[in-house]
């Protein structure tokens, strides 16, 4: 799905509250790269968890 509207010029901060598999940040980066060629992306997460994708819940 393409974003409607315009992204700001300059670096883009990708924020995620926690990173497990990294899928959310990868998908956000992929979508932005469809709109802007060679963007400056800065991934930022608050926490990292050890969790296998598809596992039933968090420990």
PDB file of N, CA and C in Angstrom:
ATOM      1  N   UNK A   1       0.844  -1.168   0.000  1.00  0.00           N
ATOM      2  CA  UNK A   1       0.000   0.000   0.000  1.00  0.00           C
ATOM      3  C   UNK A   1       0.896   1.240   0.000  1.00  0.00           C
ATOM      4  N   UNK A   2       0.654   2.151  -0.871  1.00  0.00           N
ATOM      5  CA  UNK A   2       1.445   3.379  -0.957  1.00  0.00           C
ATOM      6  C   UNK A   2       0.855   4.440  -0.043  1.00  0.00           C
ATOM      7  N   UNK A   3       1.746   5.193   0.560  1.00  0.00           N
ATOM      8  CA  UNK A   3       1.316   6.287   1.431  1.00  0.00           C
ATOM      9  C   UNK A   3       0.729   7.410   0.582  1.00  0.00           C
ATOM     10  N   UNK A   4      -0.345   8.001   1.064  1.00  0.00           N
ATOM     11  CA  UNK A   4      -0.910   9.162   0.391  1.00  0.00           C
ATOM     12  C   UNK A   4      -0.283  10.385   1.042  1.00  0.00           C
ATOM     13  N   UNK A   5       0.069  11.330   0.243  1.00  0.00           N
ATOM     14  CA  UNK A   5       0.704  12.520   0.785  1.00  0.00           C
ATOM     15  C   UNK A   5       2.202  12.470   0.583  1.00  0.00           C
ATOM     16  N   UNK A   6       2.880  13.358   1.255  1.00  0.00           N
ATOM     17  CA  UNK A   6       4.312  13.529   1.047  1.00  0.00           C
ATOM     18  C   UNK A   6       5.068  13.260   2.333  1.00  0.00           C
ATOM     19  N   UNK A   7       6.198  12.577   2.209  1.00  0.00           N
ATOM     20  CA  UNK A   7       7.077  12.376   3.353  1.00  0.00           C
ATOM     21  C   UNK A   7       7.990  13.586   3.475  1.00  0.00           C
ATOM     22  N   UNK A   8       8.413  13.915   4.699  1.00  0.00           N
ATOM     23  CA  UNK A   8       9.284  15.083   4.879  1.00  0.00           C
ATOM     24  C   UNK A   8      10.665  14.854   4.266  1.00  0.00           C
ATOM     25  N   UNK A   9      11.314  15.960   3.881  1.00  0.00           N
ATOM     26  CA  UNK A   9      12.684  15.880   3.393  1.00  0.00           C
ATOM     27  C   UNK A   9      13.600  15.615   4.579  1.00  0.00           C
ATOM     28  N   UNK A  10      14.720  14.959   4.330  1.00  0.00           N
ATOM     29  CA  UNK A  10      15.689  14.708   5.390  1.00  0.00           C
ATOM     30  C   UNK A  10      15.527  13.331   5.999  1.00  0.00           C
ATOM     31  N   UNK A  11      16.285  13.076   7.061  1.00  0.00           N
ATOM     32  CA  UNK A  11      16.260  11.757   7.709  1.00  0.00           C
ATOM     33  C   UNK A  11      14.876  11.407   8.260  1.00  0.00           C
ATOM     34  N   UNK A  12      14.587  10.103   8.290  1.00  0.00           N
ATOM     35  CA  UNK A  12      13.319   9.602   8.831  1.00  0.00           C
ATOM     36  C   UNK A  12      13.636   8.673   9.996  1.00  0.00           C
ATOM     37  N   UNK A  13      13.039   8.938  11.141  1.00  0.00           N
ATOM     38  CA  UNK A  13      13.216   8.114  12.330  1.00  0.00           C
ATOM     39  C   UNK A  13      12.124   7.056  12.342  1.00  0.00           C
ATOM     40  N   UNK A  14      12.523   5.772  12.291  1.00  0.00           N
ATOM     41  CA  UNK A  14      11.574   4.661  12.400  1.00  0.00           C
ATOM     42  C   UNK A  14      11.566   4.228  13.856  1.00  0.00           C
ATOM     43  N   UNK A  15      10.439   4.372  14.526  1.00  0.00           N
ATOM     44  CA  UNK A  15      10.341   4.090  15.948  1.00  0.00           C
ATOM     45  C   UNK A  15       9.490   2.851  16.182  1.00  0.00           C
ATOM     46  N   UNK A  16       9.978   1.942  17.015  1.00  0.00           N
ATOM     47  CA  UNK A  16       9.220   0.749  17.388  1.00  0.00           C
ATOM     48  C   UNK A  16       9.383   0.565  18.890  1.00  0.00           C
ATOM     49  N   UNK A  17       8.307   0.225  19.588  1.00  0.00           N
ATOM     50  CA  UNK A  17       8.384   0.104  21.047  1.00  0.00           C
ATOM     51  C   UNK A  17       9.234  -1.083  21.485  1.00  0.00           C
ATOM     52  N   UNK A  18       9.241  -2.148  20.721  1.00  0.00           N
ATOM     53  CA  UNK A  18      10.160  -3.264  20.983  1.00  0.00           C
ATOM     54  C   UNK A  18      10.449  -3.969  19.672  1.00  0.00           C
ATOM     55  N   UNK A  19      11.568  -4.653  19.610  1.00  0.00           N
ATOM     56  CA  UNK A  19      11.917  -5.407  18.408  1.00  0.00           C
ATOM     57  C   UNK A  19      12.031  -6.882  18.768  1.00  0.00           C
ATOM     58  N   UNK A  20      11.301  -7.687  18.057  1.00  0.00           N
ATOM     59  CA  UNK A  20      11.367  -9.134  18.239  1.00  0.00           C
ATOM     60  C   UNK A  20      12.036  -9.719  17.010  1.00  0.00           C
ATOM     61  N   UNK A  21      11.272  -9.846  15.948  1.00  0.00           N
ATOM     62  CA  UNK A  21      11.813 -10.393  14.700  1.00  0.00           C
ATOM     63  C   UNK A  21      12.392  -9.306  13.805  1.00  0.00           C
ATOM     64  N   UNK A  22      12.031  -8.059  14.044  1.00  0.00           N
ATOM     65  CA  UNK A  22      12.478  -6.966  13.185  1.00  0.00           C
ATOM     66  C   UNK A  22      11.586  -6.765  11.972  1.00  0.00           C
ATOM     67  N   UNK A  23      10.507  -7.543  11.869  1.00  0.00           N
ATOM     68  CA  UNK A  23       9.634  -7.495  10.692  1.00  0.00           C
ATOM     69  C   UNK A  23       8.961  -6.135  10.512  1.00  0.00           C
ATOM     70  N   UNK A  24       8.536  -5.509  11.598  1.00  0.00           N
ATOM     71  CA  UNK A  24       7.850  -4.214  11.499  1.00  0.00           C
ATOM     72  C   UNK A  24       8.775  -3.147  10.931  1.00  0.00           C
ATOM     73  N   UNK A  25      10.006  -3.069  11.458  1.00  0.00           N
ATOM     74  CA  UNK A  25      10.945  -2.074  10.953  1.00  0.00           C
ATOM     75  C   UNK A  25      11.342  -2.361   9.507  1.00  0.00           C
ATOM     76  N   UNK A  26      11.536  -3.630   9.164  1.00  0.00           N
ATOM     77  CA  UNK A  26      11.887  -3.971   7.779  1.00  0.00           C
ATOM     78  C   UNK A  26      10.765  -3.576   6.819  1.00  0.00           C
ATOM     79  N   UNK A  27       9.523  -3.835   7.195  1.00  0.00           N
ATOM     80  CA  UNK A  27       8.396  -3.500   6.327  1.00  0.00           C
ATOM     81  C   UNK A  27       8.246  -1.987   6.193  1.00  0.00           C
ATOM     82  N   UNK A  28       8.420  -1.258   7.283  1.00  0.00           N
ATOM     83  CA  UNK A  28       8.342   0.203   7.217  1.00  0.00           C
ATOM     84  C   UNK A  28       9.433   0.743   6.289  1.00  0.00           C
ATOM     85  N   UNK A  29      10.650   0.235   6.419  1.00  0.00           N
ATOM     86  CA  UNK A  29      11.758   0.672   5.566  1.00  0.00           C
ATOM     87  C   UNK A  29      11.477   0.340   4.100  1.00  0.00           C
ATOM     88  N   UNK A  30      10.933  -0.847   3.844  1.00  0.00           N
ATOM     89  CA  UNK A  30      10.610  -1.245   2.471  1.00  0.00           C
ATOM     90  C   UNK A  30       9.583  -0.290   1.862  1.00  0.00           C
ATOM     91  N   UNK A  31       8.541   0.037   2.619  1.00  0.00           N
ATOM     92  CA  UNK A  31       7.489   0.926   2.120  1.00  0.00           C
ATOM     93  C   UNK A  31       8.040   2.326   1.839  1.00  0.00           C
ATOM     94  N   UNK A  32       8.906   2.817   2.715  1.00  0.00           N
ATOM     95  CA  UNK A  32       9.498   4.146   2.510  1.00  0.00           C
ATOM     96  C   UNK A  32      10.410   4.132   1.287  1.00  0.00           C
ATOM     97  N   UNK A  33      11.159   3.050   1.094  1.00  0.00           N
ATOM     98  CA  UNK A  33      12.060   2.968  -0.065  1.00  0.00           C
ATOM     99  C   UNK A  33      11.306   2.904  -1.388  1.00  0.00           C
ATOM    100  N   UNK A  34      10.041   2.515  -1.369  1.00  0.00           N
ATOM    101  CA  UNK A  34       9.235   2.544  -2.595  1.00  0.00           C
ATOM    102  C   UNK A  34       8.926   3.983  -2.997  1.00  0.00           C
ATOM    103  N   UNK A  35       8.879   4.864  -2.006  1.00  0.00           N
ATOM    104  CA  UNK A  35       8.511   6.260  -2.251  1.00  0.00           C
ATOM    105  C   UNK A  35       9.744   7.134  -2.451  1.00  0.00           C
ATOM    106  N   UNK A  36      10.780   6.918  -1.626  1.00  0.00           N
ATOM    107  CA  UNK A  36      11.998   7.730  -1.669  1.00  0.00           C
ATOM    108  C   UNK A  36      13.172   6.822  -1.996  1.00  0.00           C
ATOM    109  N   UNK A  37      13.931   7.167  -3.004  1.00  0.00           N
ATOM    110  CA  UNK A  37      15.120   6.388  -3.354  1.00  0.00           C
ATOM    111  C   UNK A  37      16.264   6.803  -2.448  1.00  0.00           C
ATOM    112  N   UNK A  38      16.934   5.843  -1.830  1.00  0.00           N
ATOM    113  CA  UNK A  38      18.068   6.056  -0.931  1.00  0.00           C
ATOM    114  C   UNK A  38      17.750   7.011   0.235  1.00  0.00           C
ATOM    115  N   UNK A  39      16.693   6.714   1.016  1.00  0.00           N
ATOM    116  CA  UNK A  39      16.382   7.572   2.154  1.00  0.00           C
ATOM    117  C   UNK A  39      17.383   7.350   3.290  1.00  0.00           C
ATOM    118  N   UNK A  40      17.487   8.331   4.161  1.00  0.00           N
ATOM    119  CA  UNK A  40      18.272   8.159   5.382  1.00  0.00           C
ATOM    120  C   UNK A  40      17.290   7.677   6.445  1.00  0.00           C
ATOM    121  N   UNK A  41      17.401   6.401   6.831  1.00  0.00           N
ATOM    122  CA  UNK A  41      16.498   5.806   7.808  1.00  0.00           C
ATOM    123  C   UNK A  41      17.261   5.560   9.104  1.00  0.00           C
ATOM    124  N   UNK A  42      16.646   5.937  10.221  1.00  0.00           N
ATOM    125  CA  UNK A  42      17.267   5.745  11.525  1.00  0.00           C
ATOM    126  C   UNK A  42      16.336   4.874  12.365  1.00  0.00           C
ATOM    127  N   UNK A  43      16.627   3.565  12.483  1.00  0.00           N
ATOM    128  CA  UNK A  43      15.774   2.700  13.300  1.00  0.00           C
ATOM    129  C   UNK A  43      16.049   2.940  14.783  1.00  0.00           C
ATOM    130  N   UNK A  44      14.992   3.017  15.575  1.00  0.00           N
ATOM    131  CA  UNK A  44      15.120   3.254  17.013  1.00  0.00           C
ATOM    132  C   UNK A  44      14.124   2.370  17.744  1.00  0.00           C
ATOM    133  N   UNK A  45      14.596   1.590  18.685  1.00  0.00           N
ATOM    134  CA  UNK A  45      13.710   0.758  19.498  1.00  0.00           C
ATOM    135  C   UNK A  45      14.007   0.980  20.966  1.00  0.00           C
ATOM    136  N   UNK A  46      12.990   0.814  21.793  1.00  0.00           N
ATOM    137  CA  UNK A  46      13.148   0.968  23.240  1.00  0.00           C
ATOM    138  C   UNK A  46      13.683  -0.306  23.862  1.00  0.00           C
ATOM    139  N   UNK A  47      13.215  -1.448  23.376  1.00  0.00           N
ATOM    140  CA  UNK A  47      13.601  -2.716  24.001  1.00  0.00           C
ATOM    141  C   UNK A  47      13.709  -3.816  22.961  1.00  0.00           C
ATOM    142  N   UNK A  48      14.432  -4.840  23.310  1.00  0.00           N
ATOM    143  CA  UNK A  48      14.586  -6.024  22.485  1.00  0.00           C
ATOM    144  C   UNK A  48      14.044  -7.206  23.280  1.00  0.00           C
ATOM    145  N   UNK A  49      13.386  -8.134  22.618  1.00  0.00           N
ATOM    146  CA  UNK A  49      12.866  -9.311  23.326  1.00  0.00           C
ATOM    147  C   UNK A  49      13.382 -10.573  22.656  1.00  0.00           C
ATOM    148  N   UNK A  50      13.438 -11.642  23.411  1.00  0.00           N
ATOM    149  CA  UNK A  50      13.793 -12.946  22.859  1.00  0.00           C
ATOM    150  C   UNK A  50      12.495 -13.729  22.721  1.00  0.00           C
ATOM    151  N   UNK A  51      12.034 -13.815  21.491  1.00  0.00           N
ATOM    152  CA  UNK A  51      10.763 -14.455  21.210  1.00  0.00           C
ATOM    153  C   UNK A  51      10.807 -14.994  19.796  1.00  0.00           C
ATOM    154  N   UNK A  52      10.430 -16.243  19.629  1.00  0.00           N
ATOM    155  CA  UNK A  52      10.411 -16.854  18.306  1.00  0.00           C
ATOM    156  C   UNK A  52       9.087 -16.521  17.624  1.00  0.00           C
ATOM    157  N   UNK A  53       9.184 -16.009  16.407  1.00  0.00           N
ATOM    158  CA  UNK A  53       8.013 -15.691  15.641  1.00  0.00           C
ATOM    159  C   UNK A  53       7.115 -16.917  15.529  1.00  0.00           C
ATOM    160  N   UNK A  54       5.846 -16.778  15.868  1.00  0.00           N
ATOM    161  CA  UNK A  54       4.915 -17.890  15.835  1.00  0.00           C
ATOM    162  C   UNK A  54       4.738 -18.571  17.172  1.00  0.00           C
ATOM    163  N   UNK A  55       5.565 -18.214  18.164  1.00  0.00           N
ATOM    164  CA  UNK A  55       5.441 -18.798  19.499  1.00  0.00           C
ATOM    165  C   UNK A  55       4.185 -18.258  20.177  1.00  0.00           C
ATOM    166  N   UNK A  56       3.569 -19.045  21.065  1.00  0.00           N
ATOM    167  CA  UNK A  56       2.320 -18.628  21.723  1.00  0.00           C
ATOM    168  C   UNK A  56       2.564 -17.733  22.926  1.00  0.00           C
ATOM    169  N   UNK A  57       2.807 -16.445  22.719  1.00  0.00           N
ATOM    170  CA  UNK A  57       2.932 -15.507  23.830  1.00  0.00           C
ATOM    171  C   UNK A  57       4.361 -15.167  24.167  1.00  0.00           C
ATOM    172  N   UNK A  58       4.488 -14.299  25.152  1.00  0.00           N
ATOM    173  CA  UNK A  58       5.787 -13.799  25.582  1.00  0.00           C
ATOM    174  C   UNK A  58       6.151 -14.366  26.940  1.00  0.00           C
ATOM    175  N   UNK A  59       7.457 -14.444  27.192  1.00  0.00           N
ATOM    176  CA  UNK A  59       7.934 -14.906  28.498  1.00  0.00           C
ATOM    177  C   UNK A  59       8.624 -13.762  29.191  1.00  0.00           C
TER     178      UNK A  59
END
